[in-house]
Protein backbone atom coordinates (compact mmCIF):
# COMPACT_ATOMS: atom_id res chain seq x y z
CA MET A 1 0.00 0.00 0.00
CA GLY A 2 2.96 2.34 0.51
CA PRO A 3 3.74 2.71 -3.20
CA ILE A 4 0.10 3.57 -3.96
CA ALA A 5 0.18 6.40 -1.40
CA GLY A 6 3.41 7.63 -3.00
CA MET A 7 1.82 7.59 -6.46
CA MET A 8 -1.14 9.61 -5.19
CA GLY A 9 1.21 12.18 -3.70
CA ILE A 10 3.09 12.47 -6.98
CA LEU A 11 -0.14 12.87 -8.98
CA GLN A 12 -1.43 15.53 -6.59
CA ALA A 13 1.87 17.43 -6.71
CA LEU A 14 1.83 17.32 -10.51
CA GLU A 15 -1.72 18.69 -10.63
CA ALA A 16 -0.74 21.48 -8.21
CA ILE A 17 2.29 22.43 -10.32
CA LYS A 18 0.16 22.46 -13.49
CA PHE A 19 -2.34 24.74 -11.74
CA ILE A 20 0.36 27.13 -10.49
CA ILE A 21 2.03 27.53 -13.89
CA GLY A 22 -1.32 27.81 -15.68
CA ILE A 23 -1.33 24.73 -17.90
CA HIS A 24 -4.09 22.85 -16.06
CA ASP A 25 -7.24 21.72 -17.82
CA LYS A 26 -9.89 24.33 -17.04
CA ARG A 27 -12.80 21.92 -17.46
CA GLU A 28 -14.36 20.64 -14.27
CA LYS A 29 -13.61 16.98 -13.73
CA ILE A 30 -12.85 14.36 -11.11
CA LYS A 31 -9.97 11.90 -11.43
CA ILE A 32 -10.43 8.46 -9.87
CA PHE A 33 -7.46 6.11 -9.50
CA ASN A 34 -7.95 2.38 -8.94
CA GLY A 35 -4.85 1.12 -7.13
CA LYS A 36 -5.75 -2.53 -7.68
CA THR A 37 -5.93 -2.32 -11.47
CA LEU A 38 -3.73 0.80 -11.86
CA GLN A 39 -6.41 2.50 -13.97
CA LEU A 40 -7.17 6.21 -13.94
CA LYS A 41 -10.72 7.32 -14.80
CA ILE A 42 -11.66 10.91 -15.52
CA LEU A 43 -15.27 11.93 -14.96
CA LYS A 44 -16.51 15.21 -16.42
CA LEU A 45 -18.88 17.27 -14.30
CA THR A 46 -21.90 19.01 -15.75
CA LYS A 47 -24.02 21.83 -14.41
CA ASN A 48 -27.17 20.83 -12.55
CA THR A 49 -29.79 23.47 -13.33
CA ASN A 50 -31.73 22.52 -10.18
CA CYS A 51 -28.74 23.05 -7.86
CA ARG A 52 -28.54 26.40 -6.02
CA VAL A 53 -24.76 26.03 -5.54
CA CYS A 54 -24.09 25.38 -9.25
CA ILE A 55 -26.22 28.33 -10.32
CA LYS A 56 -24.79 30.69 -7.67
CA ASN A 57 -21.15 29.84 -8.54
CA LYS A 58 -21.77 29.91 -12.29
CA PHE A 59 -20.40 26.37 -12.55
CA LYS A 60 -19.84 25.55 -16.25
């Protein structure tokens, strides 16, 4: 389990660096990593027109 935690730290650091230097993907999404199969899934988020938080924050 130690190597998986290390991989997650590396991925989080990479995303933070991309954000700081401005090359991050501006689309809203969630990344899910499966440590058992070593697969990374990316789920795109969409605006919920019935959600007060989405409407108030102008979530795209």
